[in-house]
Amino acid sequence: LNNGYDLVSWVSDINKGFASMQDIFILSLFIG
């Protein structure tokens, strides 16, 4: 609504956010 953010950017940013947690995601599984 305010900054011209679009759906494509949103999907891309969600994917980037998921990718940023890759290391701790894997480590948590391994520790368990």
All heavy atoms as atom14 arrays in JSON, in Angstrom:
{
  "sequence": "LNNGYDLVSWVSDINKGFASMQDIFILSLFIG",
  "atom14_mask": [
    [1, 1, 1, 1, 1, 1, 1, 1, 0, 0, 0, 0, 0, 0],
    [1, 1, 1, 1, 1, 1, 1, 1, 0, 0, 0, 0, 0, 0],
    [1, 1, 1, 1, 1, 1, 1, 1, 0, 0, 0, 0, 0, 0],
    [1, 1, 1, 1, 0, 0, 0, 0, 0, 0, 0, 0, 0, 0],
    [1, 1, 1, 1, 1, 1, 1, 1, 1, 1, 1, 1, 0, 0],
    [1, 1, 1, 1, 1, 1, 1, 1, 0, 0, 0, 0, 0, 0],
    [1, 1, 1, 1, 1, 1, 1, 1, 0, 0, 0, 0, 0, 0],
    [1, 1, 1, 1, 1, 1, 1, 0, 0, 0, 0, 0, 0, 0],
    [1, 1, 1, 1, 1, 1, 0, 0, 0, 0, 0, 0, 0, 0],
    [1, 1, 1, 1, 1, 1, 1, 1, 1, 1, 1, 1, 1, 1],
    [1, 1, 1, 1, 1, 1, 1, 0, 0, 0, 0, 0, 0, 0],
    [1, 1, 1, 1, 1, 1, 0, 0, 0, 0, 0, 0, 0, 0],
    [1, 1, 1, 1, 1, 1, 1, 1, 0, 0, 0, 0, 0, 0],
    [1, 1, 1, 1, 1, 1, 1, 1, 0, 0, 0, 0, 0, 0],
    [1, 1, 1, 1, 1, 1, 1, 1, 0, 0, 0, 0, 0, 0],
    [1, 1, 1, 1, 1, 1, 1, 1, 1, 0, 0, 0, 0, 0],
    [1, 1, 1, 1, 0, 0, 0, 0, 0, 0, 0, 0, 0, 0],
    [1, 1, 1, 1, 1, 1, 1, 1, 1, 1, 1, 0, 0, 0],
    [1, 1, 1, 1, 1, 0, 0, 0, 0, 0, 0, 0, 0, 0],
    [1, 1, 1, 1, 1, 1, 0, 0, 0, 0, 0, 0, 0, 0],
    [1, 1, 1, 1, 1, 1, 1, 1, 0, 0, 0, 0, 0, 0],
    [1, 1, 1, 1, 1, 1, 1, 1, 1, 0, 0, 0, 0, 0],
    [1, 1, 1, 1, 1, 1, 1, 1, 0, 0, 0, 0, 0, 0],
    [1, 1, 1, 1, 1, 1, 1, 1, 0, 0, 0, 0, 0, 0],
    [1, 1, 1, 1, 1, 1, 1, 1, 1, 1, 1, 0, 0, 0],
    [1, 1, 1, 1, 1, 1, 1, 1, 0, 0, 0, 0, 0, 0],
    [1, 1, 1, 1, 1, 1, 1, 1, 0, 0, 0, 0, 0, 0],
    [1, 1, 1, 1, 1, 1, 0, 0, 0, 0, 0, 0, 0, 0],
    [1, 1, 1, 1, 1, 1, 1, 1, 0, 0, 0, 0, 0, 0],
    [1, 1, 1, 1, 1, 1, 1, 1, 1, 1, 1, 0, 0, 0],
    [1, 1, 1, 1, 1, 1, 1, 1, 0, 0, 0, 0, 0, 0],
    [1, 1, 1, 1, 0, 0, 0, 0, 0, 0, 0, 0, 0, 0]
  ],
  "atom14_positions": [
    [[0.81, -1.21, 0.0], [0.0, 0.0, 0.0], [0.85, 1.27, 0.0], [0.49, 2.27, -0.63], [-0.92, 0.01, 1.22], [-2.05, -1.04, 1.22], [-2.78, -1.02, 2.56], [-3.02, -0.78, 0.07], [0.0, 0.0, 0.0], [0.0, 0.0, 0.0], [0.0, 0.0, 0.0], [0.0, 0.0, 0.0], [0.0, 0.0, 0.0], [0.0, 0.0, 0.0]],
    [[1.97, 1.24, 0.7], [2.76, 2.46, 0.89], [4.01, 2.58, 0.03], [4.41, 3.68, -0.34], [3.2, 2.57, 2.36], [2.04, 2.84, 3.29], [0.95, 3.21, 2.85], [2.26, 2.66, 4.59], [0.0, 0.0, 0.0], [0.0, 0.0, 0.0], [0.0, 0.0, 0.0], [0.0, 0.0, 0.0], [0.0, 0.0, 0.0], [0.0, 0.0, 0.0]],
    [[4.64, 1.44, -0.28], [5.97, 1.49, -0.92], [6.06, 0.79, -2.26], [7.16, 0.56, -2.77], [7.02, 0.88, 0.03], [7.02, 1.54, 1.4], [6.85, 2.76, 1.49], [7.21, 0.75, 2.45], [0.0, 0.0, 0.0], [0.0, 0.0, 0.0], [0.0, 0.0, 0.0], [0.0, 0.0, 0.0], [0.0, 0.0, 0.0], [0.0, 0.0, 0.0]],
    [[4.93, 0.42, -2.84], [4.98, -0.24, -4.15], [5.52, -1.66, -4.1], [5.99, -2.19, -5.11], [0.0, 0.0, 0.0], [0.0, 0.0, 0.0], [0.0, 0.0, 0.0], [0.0, 0.0, 0.0], [0.0, 0.0, 0.0], [0.0, 0.0, 0.0], [0.0, 0.0, 0.0], [0.0, 0.0, 0.0], [0.0, 0.0, 0.0], [0.0, 0.0, 0.0]],
    [[5.47, -2.27, -2.95], [5.93, -3.66, -2.79], [4.98, -4.56, -3.58], [3.76, -4.35, -3.57], [5.89, -4.01, -1.31], [6.64, -5.25, -0.89], [8.0, -5.38, -1.09], [5.96, -6.3, -0.25], [8.69, -6.51, -0.68], [6.63, -7.43, 0.17], [7.99, -7.54, -0.05], [8.66, -8.66, 0.36], [0.0, 0.0, 0.0], [0.0, 0.0, 0.0]],
    [[5.52, -5.57, -4.28], [4.65, -6.42, -5.1], [4.73, -7.88, -4.69], [5.57, -8.28, -3.87], [4.99, -6.27, -6.59], [6.46, -6.58, -6.89], [6.98, -7.59, -6.38], [7.08, -5.8, -7.64], [0.0, 0.0, 0.0], [0.0, 0.0, 0.0], [0.0, 0.0, 0.0], [0.0, 0.0, 0.0], [0.0, 0.0, 0.0], [0.0, 0.0, 0.0]],
    [[3.85, -8.67, -5.25], [3.72, -10.08, -4.89], [4.97, -10.87, -5.21], [5.39, -11.74, -4.42], [2.51, -10.68, -5.62], [2.17, -12.14, -5.28], [1.83, -12.29, -3.8], [1.01, -12.63, -6.16], [0.0, 0.0, 0.0], [0.0, 0.0, 0.0], [0.0, 0.0, 0.0], [0.0, 0.0, 0.0], [0.0, 0.0, 0.0], [0.0, 0.0, 0.0]],
    [[5.59, -10.58, -6.34], [6.81, -11.31, -6.73], [7.93, -11.06, -5.71], [8.63, -11.99, -5.3], [7.26, -10.88, -8.14], [8.6, -11.51, -8.49], [6.22, -11.29, -9.18], [0.0, 0.0, 0.0], [0.0, 0.0, 0.0], [0.0, 0.0, 0.0], [0.0, 0.0, 0.0], [0.0, 0.0, 0.0], [0.0, 0.0, 0.0], [0.0, 0.0, 0.0]],
    [[8.07, -9.82, -5.29], [9.1, -9.48, -4.3], [8.8, -10.16, -2.96], [9.72, -10.61, -2.26], [9.17, -7.97, -4.11], [9.52, -7.32, -5.3], [0.0, 0.0, 0.0], [0.0, 0.0, 0.0], [0.0, 0.0, 0.0], [0.0, 0.0, 0.0], [0.0, 0.0, 0.0], [0.0, 0.0, 0.0], [0.0, 0.0, 0.0], [0.0, 0.0, 0.0]],
    [[7.53, -10.23, -2.62], [7.13, -10.86, -1.35], [7.52, -12.33, -1.33], [8.14, -12.81, -0.37], [5.63, -10.69, -1.17], [5.11, -11.2, 0.15], [5.74, -11.14, 1.36], [3.84, -11.83, 0.39], [4.95, -11.69, 2.35], [3.77, -12.12, 1.77], [2.75, -12.16, -0.43], [2.67, -12.74, 2.35], [1.65, -12.76, 0.16], [1.62, -13.05, 1.52]],
    [[7.18, -13.03, -2.4], [7.53, -14.46, -2.48], [9.04, -14.64, -2.43], [9.56, -15.53, -1.73], [6.95, -15.09, -3.76], [7.46, -16.51, -3.94], [5.42, -15.06, -3.72], [0.0, 0.0, 0.0], [0.0, 0.0, 0.0], [0.0, 0.0, 0.0], [0.0, 0.0, 0.0], [0.0, 0.0, 0.0], [0.0, 0.0, 0.0], [0.0, 0.0, 0.0]],
    [[9.76, -13.78, -3.15], [11.22, -13.87, -3.16], [11.81, -13.61, -1.78], [12.74, -14.3, -1.35], [11.78, -12.86, -4.17], [13.2, -12.86, -4.16], [0.0, 0.0, 0.0], [0.0, 0.0, 0.0], [0.0, 0.0, 0.0], [0.0, 0.0, 0.0], [0.0, 0.0, 0.0], [0.0, 0.0, 0.0], [0.0, 0.0, 0.0], [0.0, 0.0, 0.0]],
    [[11.26, -12.62, -1.07], [11.79, -12.3, 0.26], [11.49, -13.41, 1.27], [12.3, -13.68, 2.16], [11.19, -10.97, 0.74], [11.79, -9.78, 0.01], [12.93, -9.9, -0.45], [11.11, -8.74, -0.09], [0.0, 0.0, 0.0], [0.0, 0.0, 0.0], [0.0, 0.0, 0.0], [0.0, 0.0, 0.0], [0.0, 0.0, 0.0], [0.0, 0.0, 0.0]],
    [[10.33, -14.02, 1.15], [10.03, -15.15, 2.05], [11.03, -16.27, 1.83], [11.56, -16.87, 2.79], [8.59, -15.67, 1.8], [7.57, -14.64, 2.31], [8.37, -17.02, 2.51], [6.13, -15.02, 2.02], [0.0, 0.0, 0.0], [0.0, 0.0, 0.0], [0.0, 0.0, 0.0], [0.0, 0.0, 0.0], [0.0, 0.0, 0.0], [0.0, 0.0, 0.0]],
    [[11.34, -16.53, 0.57], [12.32, -17.57, 0.26], [13.71, -17.21, 0.8], [14.43, -18.07, 1.33], [12.38, -17.8, -1.25], [13.25, -18.98, -1.63], [13.04, -20.09, -1.15], [14.23, -18.76, -2.49], [0.0, 0.0, 0.0], [0.0, 0.0, 0.0], [0.0, 0.0, 0.0], [0.0, 0.0, 0.0], [0.0, 0.0, 0.0], [0.0, 0.0, 0.0]],
    [[14.07, -15.93, 0.68], [15.35, -15.48, 1.22], [15.39, -15.64, 2.75], [16.42, -16.01, 3.32], [15.6, -14.01, 0.86], [15.88, -13.76, -0.61], [16.05, -12.26, -0.87], [16.25, -11.98, -2.36], [16.34, -10.51, -2.62], [0.0, 0.0, 0.0], [0.0, 0.0, 0.0], [0.0, 0.0, 0.0], [0.0, 0.0, 0.0], [0.0, 0.0, 0.0]],
    [[14.26, -15.35, 3.38], [14.18, -15.51, 4.84], [14.35, -16.95, 5.26], [15.04, -17.25, 6.23], [0.0, 0.0, 0.0], [0.0, 0.0, 0.0], [0.0, 0.0, 0.0], [0.0, 0.0, 0.0], [0.0, 0.0, 0.0], [0.0, 0.0, 0.0], [0.0, 0.0, 0.0], [0.0, 0.0, 0.0], [0.0, 0.0, 0.0], [0.0, 0.0, 0.0]],
    [[13.69, -17.85, 4.52], [13.86, -19.28, 4.8], [15.32, -19.69, 4.65], [15.88, -20.4, 5.48], [13.0, -20.12, 3.85], [11.53, -20.08, 4.14], [10.62, -20.61, 3.25], [11.03, -19.52, 5.32], [9.25, -20.6, 3.51], [9.67, -19.49, 5.6], [8.78, -20.02, 4.68], [0.0, 0.0, 0.0], [0.0, 0.0, 0.0], [0.0, 0.0, 0.0]],
    [[15.95, -19.24, 3.56], [17.34, -19.62, 3.28], [18.29, -19.1, 4.35], [19.29, -19.76, 4.66], [17.76, -19.08, 1.9], [0.0, 0.0, 0.0], [0.0, 0.0, 0.0], [0.0, 0.0, 0.0], [0.0, 0.0, 0.0], [0.0, 0.0, 0.0], [0.0, 0.0, 0.0], [0.0, 0.0, 0.0], [0.0, 0.0, 0.0], [0.0, 0.0, 0.0]],
    [[17.98, -17.94, 4.95], [18.86, -17.38, 5.97], [18.91, -18.23, 7.23], [19.83, -18.09, 8.04], [18.4, -15.95, 6.33], [17.16, -15.97, 7.02], [0.0, 0.0, 0.0], [0.0, 0.0, 0.0], [0.0, 0.0, 0.0], [0.0, 0.0, 0.0], [0.0, 0.0, 0.0], [0.0, 0.0, 0.0], [0.0, 0.0, 0.0], [0.0, 0.0, 0.0]],
    [[17.94, -19.1, 7.41], [17.88, -19.96, 8.59], [18.35, -21.39, 8.31], [18.17, -22.28, 9.13], [16.44, -20.0, 9.12], [15.94, -18.66, 9.62], [16.88, -18.13, 11.09], [16.33, -16.43, 11.25], [0.0, 0.0, 0.0], [0.0, 0.0, 0.0], [0.0, 0.0, 0.0], [0.0, 0.0, 0.0], [0.0, 0.0, 0.0], [0.0, 0.0, 0.0]],
    [[18.96, -21.6, 7.17], [19.35, -22.95, 6.77], [20.28, -23.62, 7.77], [20.07, -24.77, 8.17], [20.01, -22.92, 5.39], [20.58, -24.26, 4.95], [21.25, -24.17, 3.59], [20.65, -23.69, 2.64], [22.49, -24.64, 3.51], [0.0, 0.0, 0.0], [0.0, 0.0, 0.0], [0.0, 0.0, 0.0], [0.0, 0.0, 0.0], [0.0, 0.0, 0.0]],
    [[21.32, -22.91, 8.19], [22.32, -23.5, 9.07], [21.73, -23.93, 10.41], [21.98, -25.05, 10.88], [23.49, -22.53, 9.3], [24.42, -22.47, 8.11], [24.33, -23.38, 7.25], [25.22, -21.53, 8.02], [0.0, 0.0, 0.0], [0.0, 0.0, 0.0], [0.0, 0.0, 0.0], [0.0, 0.0, 0.0], [0.0, 0.0, 0.0], [0.0, 0.0, 0.0]],
    [[20.97, -23.04, 11.04], [20.43, -23.41, 12.36], [19.31, -24.43, 12.23], [19.09, -25.23, 13.14], [19.95, -22.18, 13.15], [18.82, -21.45, 12.45], [21.09, -21.23, 13.41], [18.18, -20.38, 13.29], [0.0, 0.0, 0.0], [0.0, 0.0, 0.0], [0.0, 0.0, 0.0], [0.0, 0.0, 0.0], [0.0, 0.0, 0.0], [0.0, 0.0, 0.0]],
    [[18.62, -24.45, 11.1], [17.61, -25.47, 10.85], [18.26, -26.85, 10.83], [17.81, -27.78, 11.51], [16.92, -25.17, 9.51], [15.76, -26.07, 9.2], [14.46, -25.64, 9.43], [15.95, -27.33, 8.64], [13.37, -26.46, 9.13], [14.88, -28.16, 8.35], [13.58, -27.72, 8.59], [0.0, 0.0, 0.0], [0.0, 0.0, 0.0], [0.0, 0.0, 0.0]],
    [[19.33, -26.97, 10.05], [20.04, -28.25, 9.94], [20.65, -28.64, 11.27], [20.56, -29.8, 11.7], [21.12, -28.16, 8.85], [20.47, -27.97, 7.47], [21.99, -29.41, 8.85], [21.45, -27.69, 6.36], [0.0, 0.0, 0.0], [0.0, 0.0, 0.0], [0.0, 0.0, 0.0], [0.0, 0.0, 0.0], [0.0, 0.0, 0.0], [0.0, 0.0, 0.0]],
    [[21.28, -27.68, 11.95], [21.93, -27.99, 13.23], [20.92, -28.47, 14.26], [21.19, -29.41, 15.01], [22.66, -26.75, 13.75], [23.36, -26.92, 15.1], [24.42, -28.03, 15.04], [24.0, -25.61, 15.55], [0.0, 0.0, 0.0], [0.0, 0.0, 0.0], [0.0, 0.0, 0.0], [0.0, 0.0, 0.0], [0.0, 0.0, 0.0], [0.0, 0.0, 0.0]],
    [[19.75, -27.86, 14.3], [18.73, -28.27, 15.26], [18.28, -29.71, 15.01], [18.11, -30.5, 15.95], [17.52, -27.33, 15.19], [17.87, -26.04, 15.61], [0.0, 0.0, 0.0], [0.0, 0.0, 0.0], [0.0, 0.0, 0.0], [0.0, 0.0, 0.0], [0.0, 0.0, 0.0], [0.0, 0.0, 0.0], [0.0, 0.0, 0.0], [0.0, 0.0, 0.0]],
    [[18.09, -30.06, 13.76], [17.75, -31.44, 13.41], [18.85, -32.4, 13.85], [18.57, -33.46, 14.44], [17.52, -31.57, 11.9], [16.3, -30.85, 11.31], [16.28, -31.05, 9.8], [15.01, -31.37, 11.91], [0.0, 0.0, 0.0], [0.0, 0.0, 0.0], [0.0, 0.0, 0.0], [0.0, 0.0, 0.0], [0.0, 0.0, 0.0], [0.0, 0.0, 0.0]],
    [[20.1, -32.04, 13.58], [21.23, -32.91, 13.93], [21.37, -33.06, 15.44], [21.66, -34.15, 15.93], [22.51, -32.35, 13.32], [22.66, -32.6, 11.83], [23.73, -32.08, 11.13], [21.72, -33.35, 11.15], [23.87, -32.32, 9.77], [21.84, -33.59, 9.79], [22.92, -33.07, 9.09], [0.0, 0.0, 0.0], [0.0, 0.0, 0.0], [0.0, 0.0, 0.0]],
    [[21.18, -31.98, 16.18], [21.29, -32.05, 17.64], [20.18, -32.95, 18.21], [20.42, -33.75, 19.11], [21.2, -30.65, 18.26], [22.51, -29.9, 18.02], [20.94, -30.73, 19.77], [22.51, -28.48, 18.54], [0.0, 0.0, 0.0], [0.0, 0.0, 0.0], [0.0, 0.0, 0.0], [0.0, 0.0, 0.0], [0.0, 0.0, 0.0], [0.0, 0.0, 0.0]],
    [[18.98, -32.82, 17.66], [17.89, -33.69, 18.1], [18.19, -35.15, 17.86], [17.96, -36.01, 18.73], [0.0, 0.0, 0.0], [0.0, 0.0, 0.0], [0.0, 0.0, 0.0], [0.0, 0.0, 0.0], [0.0, 0.0, 0.0], [0.0, 0.0, 0.0], [0.0, 0.0, 0.0], [0.0, 0.0, 0.0], [0.0, 0.0, 0.0], [0.0, 0.0, 0.0]]
  ]
}
